[in-house]
N, C-alpha and C. Protein backbone atom coordinates (compact mmCIF):
# COMPACT_ATOMS: atom_id res chain seq x y z
N MET A 1 38.50 214.80 134.94
CA MET A 1 38.01 215.07 136.47
C MET A 1 37.06 216.20 136.59
N ASP A 2 36.04 216.07 137.18
CA ASP A 2 35.28 217.30 137.51
C ASP A 2 35.62 217.71 138.87
N VAL A 3 36.61 218.75 138.90
CA VAL A 3 37.09 219.05 140.54
C VAL A 3 35.54 219.22 141.46
N LEU A 4 34.59 219.94 140.78
CA LEU A 4 33.64 220.38 141.31
C LEU A 4 32.99 219.33 142.20
N ALA A 5 32.96 218.09 141.58
CA ALA A 5 32.18 217.01 141.95
C ALA A 5 32.86 216.66 143.47
N ASP A 6 34.22 216.68 143.70
CA ASP A 6 34.90 216.51 144.69
C ASP A 6 35.39 217.37 145.94
N ARG A 7 34.71 218.58 145.36
CA ARG A 7 35.21 219.69 146.43
C ARG A 7 34.92 220.87 146.37
N ILE A 8 34.47 221.95 147.07
CA ILE A 8 34.31 223.64 146.77
C ILE A 8 35.15 224.30 146.42
N LEU A 9 35.17 224.80 145.34
CA LEU A 9 36.29 225.69 144.61
C LEU A 9 36.18 227.20 145.55
N VAL A 10 37.55 227.70 145.61
CA VAL A 10 37.66 228.87 146.35
C VAL A 10 38.05 230.19 145.53
N ALA A 11 37.27 231.15 145.38
CA ALA A 11 37.49 232.13 144.43
C ALA A 11 38.36 233.14 145.15
N ASP A 12 38.54 234.35 144.56
CA ASP A 12 39.38 235.58 144.90
C ASP A 12 38.55 236.41 145.56
N GLY A 13 38.77 237.42 146.45
CA GLY A 13 38.19 238.23 146.98
C GLY A 13 37.80 239.73 146.40
N ALA A 14 38.18 240.55 146.98
CA ALA A 14 37.84 242.20 147.10
C ALA A 14 39.19 242.75 146.12
N MET A 15 38.64 242.48 144.62
CA MET A 15 39.99 243.19 143.87
C MET A 15 40.07 244.58 144.24
N GLY A 16 38.70 245.42 144.01
CA GLY A 16 38.88 246.74 144.38
C GLY A 16 39.88 247.51 145.42
N THR A 17 39.41 246.58 146.57
CA THR A 17 39.88 246.67 148.11
C THR A 17 41.30 246.20 147.83
N MET A 18 41.93 245.49 147.57
CA MET A 18 43.23 245.35 147.02
C MET A 18 43.78 246.08 146.27
N LEU A 19 43.65 246.69 145.17
CA LEU A 19 44.16 247.49 144.25
C LEU A 19 44.07 248.90 144.99
N GLN A 20 43.31 249.48 145.95
CA GLN A 20 43.06 250.64 146.59
C GLN A 20 44.27 250.58 147.78
N ALA A 21 44.68 249.23 148.72
CA ALA A 21 45.85 249.20 149.17
C ALA A 21 47.16 249.39 148.56
N ALA A 22 47.45 249.17 147.00
CA ALA A 22 48.44 249.14 146.60
C ALA A 22 48.92 250.89 146.61
N ASP A 23 50.12 250.92 146.41
CA ASP A 23 50.49 252.39 146.54
C ASP A 23 50.96 252.73 145.15
N LEU A 24 49.44 253.30 144.52
CA LEU A 24 49.44 253.74 143.29
C LEU A 24 49.56 255.30 143.20
N THR A 25 49.55 255.90 142.04
CA THR A 25 49.68 257.35 141.96
C THR A 25 48.78 257.76 140.77
N LEU A 26 48.67 259.08 140.67
CA LEU A 26 47.39 259.12 139.48
C LEU A 26 48.26 258.76 137.98
N ASP A 27 49.51 258.76 138.00
CA ASP A 27 50.09 258.57 136.43
C ASP A 27 49.84 257.26 136.44
N ASP A 28 49.97 256.06 137.25
CA ASP A 28 49.36 254.83 137.06
C ASP A 28 48.09 254.57 136.83
N PHE A 29 47.01 255.72 136.82
CA PHE A 29 45.41 255.27 136.41
C PHE A 29 45.39 256.29 135.14
N ASP A 30 46.71 256.62 134.77
CA ASP A 30 46.70 257.40 133.41
C ASP A 30 45.81 258.80 133.52
N GLY A 31 45.82 259.24 135.09
CA GLY A 31 45.67 260.31 135.10
C GLY A 31 43.64 260.06 135.40
N ARG A 32 43.37 259.41 135.31
CA ARG A 32 41.97 258.81 135.55
C ARG A 32 41.88 258.13 136.85
N GLU A 33 41.74 259.12 138.20
CA GLU A 33 41.53 258.68 139.47
C GLU A 33 40.11 257.67 139.43
N GLY A 34 40.61 256.71 140.41
CA GLY A 34 39.57 255.52 140.32
C GLY A 34 39.24 254.64 139.37
N CYS A 35 39.87 255.09 138.23
CA CYS A 35 39.35 254.01 137.17
C CYS A 35 40.54 252.80 137.42
N ASN A 36 39.68 251.80 137.97
CA ASN A 36 40.75 250.65 138.28
C ASN A 36 40.96 249.76 136.97
N GLU A 37 39.96 250.00 136.36
CA GLU A 37 40.10 249.23 134.96
C GLU A 37 40.94 249.60 133.95
N ILE A 38 41.74 250.69 134.01
CA ILE A 38 42.86 251.12 133.49
C ILE A 38 44.18 250.42 133.84
N LEU A 39 43.94 250.11 134.93
CA LEU A 39 45.32 249.62 135.73
C LEU A 39 45.59 248.31 134.82
N ASN A 40 44.92 247.45 133.89
CA ASN A 40 45.02 246.35 133.38
C ASN A 40 46.00 246.60 132.21
N VAL A 41 46.13 247.92 131.77
CA VAL A 41 46.98 248.59 130.75
C VAL A 41 47.91 248.88 131.21
N THR A 42 47.98 249.89 132.27
CA THR A 42 49.09 250.78 132.76
C THR A 42 50.01 250.32 133.64
N ARG A 43 49.18 249.12 134.76
CA ARG A 43 50.04 248.68 135.71
C ARG A 43 49.65 247.00 135.86
N PRO A 44 49.78 246.28 134.88
CA PRO A 44 49.36 244.87 134.59
C PRO A 44 50.33 244.17 135.76
N ASP A 45 51.36 244.49 136.19
CA ASP A 45 52.40 243.98 137.06
C ASP A 45 51.20 244.00 138.81
N VAL A 46 50.59 245.44 139.00
CA VAL A 46 50.14 245.30 140.20
C VAL A 46 48.72 244.17 139.97
N VAL A 47 48.20 244.48 139.37
CA VAL A 47 47.04 243.37 138.93
C VAL A 47 47.34 241.89 139.23
N ARG A 48 48.44 241.61 138.51
CA ARG A 48 49.02 240.38 138.52
C ARG A 48 49.23 240.09 140.04
N GLY A 49 49.96 240.97 140.53
CA GLY A 49 50.45 240.83 142.11
C GLY A 49 49.19 240.37 142.90
N VAL A 50 48.11 241.27 142.92
CA VAL A 50 46.86 240.94 143.32
C VAL A 50 46.12 239.45 143.16
N HIS A 51 46.62 238.90 141.81
CA HIS A 51 45.93 237.80 141.33
C HIS A 51 47.37 236.69 142.44
N ASP A 52 48.53 237.35 142.31
CA ASP A 52 49.37 235.97 142.94
C ASP A 52 48.98 235.82 144.48
N ALA A 53 48.67 237.11 145.10
CA ALA A 53 48.25 237.17 146.44
C ALA A 53 46.95 236.34 146.72
N TYR A 54 46.39 236.31 145.87
CA TYR A 54 44.74 235.48 146.18
C TYR A 54 45.51 234.01 146.22
N LEU A 55 45.78 234.02 145.18
CA LEU A 55 46.47 231.97 144.83
C LEU A 55 47.21 231.99 145.96
N ALA A 56 48.33 232.64 146.46
CA ALA A 56 49.17 232.19 147.26
C ALA A 56 48.30 231.80 148.68
N ALA A 57 47.23 232.68 149.03
CA ALA A 57 46.25 232.27 150.03
C ALA A 57 45.22 231.32 149.85
N GLY A 58 45.17 230.50 148.66
CA GLY A 58 44.67 229.45 148.51
C GLY A 58 43.57 229.51 147.54
N ALA A 59 43.52 230.38 146.89
CA ALA A 59 42.19 230.99 146.08
C ALA A 59 42.58 229.53 144.80
N ASP A 60 41.59 229.02 144.28
CA ASP A 60 41.40 228.40 142.86
C ASP A 60 41.27 228.89 142.00
N CYS A 61 40.84 229.92 142.11
CA CYS A 61 40.42 230.58 140.71
C CYS A 61 40.47 232.65 141.19
N VAL A 62 40.96 233.10 139.84
CA VAL A 62 40.69 234.60 139.81
C VAL A 62 39.94 235.33 138.89
N GLU A 63 39.74 236.55 139.26
CA GLU A 63 38.64 237.43 138.05
C GLU A 63 39.39 238.57 138.09
N THR A 64 39.97 239.13 136.84
CA THR A 64 40.25 240.27 137.13
C THR A 64 39.38 241.85 137.35
N ASN A 65 39.69 243.04 137.26
CA ASN A 65 39.21 244.11 137.67
C ASN A 65 38.51 244.44 136.47
N THR A 66 37.51 244.02 135.77
CA THR A 66 36.64 244.62 135.13
C THR A 66 35.65 245.09 135.26
N PHE A 67 35.24 244.81 136.75
CA PHE A 67 33.85 245.10 137.00
C PHE A 67 33.20 246.70 136.46
N GLY A 68 33.83 247.31 136.41
CA GLY A 68 33.50 248.71 135.88
C GLY A 68 34.01 249.00 134.07
N ALA A 69 34.28 247.76 133.32
CA ALA A 69 34.64 247.85 132.06
C ALA A 69 33.48 247.45 131.41
N ASN A 70 32.64 248.89 131.37
CA ASN A 70 31.56 248.94 130.33
C ASN A 70 31.55 250.11 130.01
N LEU A 71 30.54 250.52 128.83
CA LEU A 71 30.46 251.72 127.93
C LEU A 71 30.06 252.99 129.09
N ALA A 72 29.00 252.96 129.69
CA ALA A 72 28.72 253.93 130.68
C ALA A 72 29.67 254.24 131.71
N ASN A 73 30.61 253.14 132.39
CA ASN A 73 31.32 253.48 133.36
C ASN A 73 32.72 254.52 132.68
N LEU A 74 33.12 253.69 131.72
CA LEU A 74 34.34 254.37 131.06
C LEU A 74 34.37 255.34 130.17
N ALA A 75 32.82 255.89 130.08
CA ALA A 75 32.52 257.08 129.32
C ALA A 75 32.75 258.10 130.46
N GLU A 76 32.39 257.92 131.61
CA GLU A 76 32.62 258.93 133.15
C GLU A 76 34.31 259.23 132.62
N TYR A 77 35.25 258.06 132.24
CA TYR A 77 36.74 258.73 132.49
C TYR A 77 36.89 259.39 130.74
N ASP A 78 35.85 259.25 130.09
CA ASP A 78 36.61 260.00 128.83
C ASP A 78 37.10 258.94 127.87
N ILE A 79 36.82 257.48 128.11
CA ILE A 79 37.38 256.49 127.66
C ILE A 79 36.40 255.29 127.01
N PRO A 80 35.31 255.77 126.67
CA PRO A 80 34.20 255.11 125.98
C PRO A 80 34.91 254.03 124.75
N HIS A 81 35.59 254.48 124.14
CA HIS A 81 36.04 253.85 122.89
C HIS A 81 37.04 252.53 123.37
N ARG A 82 37.19 252.34 124.70
CA ARG A 82 38.02 251.17 124.93
C ARG A 82 37.11 250.12 125.06
N THR A 83 36.06 250.15 124.73
CA THR A 83 35.13 249.04 124.85
C THR A 83 35.00 248.26 123.33
N VAL A 84 34.54 247.08 123.45
CA VAL A 84 34.16 246.56 122.33
C VAL A 84 32.72 245.97 122.40
N SER A 85 31.88 246.14 121.34
CA SER A 85 30.35 245.66 121.25
C SER A 85 30.43 244.16 120.71
N CYS A 86 30.31 243.31 121.71
CA CYS A 86 30.05 242.09 120.95
C CYS A 86 28.45 241.88 120.42
N PRO A 87 28.50 240.92 119.13
CA PRO A 87 27.03 240.70 118.69
C PRO A 87 26.62 239.65 119.43
N ARG A 88 25.27 239.92 119.77
CA ARG A 88 24.50 238.46 120.24
C ARG A 88 24.58 237.40 119.43
N VAL A 89 24.64 236.41 120.15
CA VAL A 89 24.61 234.75 119.30
C VAL A 89 23.43 234.47 119.53
């Protein structure tokens, strides 16, 4: 069944805002203050907690905090090697 034919789906909200509200330390960011993307590796429990909160509030779908997971942004944190280039199809 195509759920979109029956109703509007509700997506999650501001991941960054929710992460900023968490009680995180510089160690949680692996010394890379402001690099929310690193939390997927260092504190997946916090990322999962944000997802759980949105799902509990009624969201149908959630996205993770990969907004800045790109070569240029991660280069600012000296971790550009953590990206993988995908060939164009």
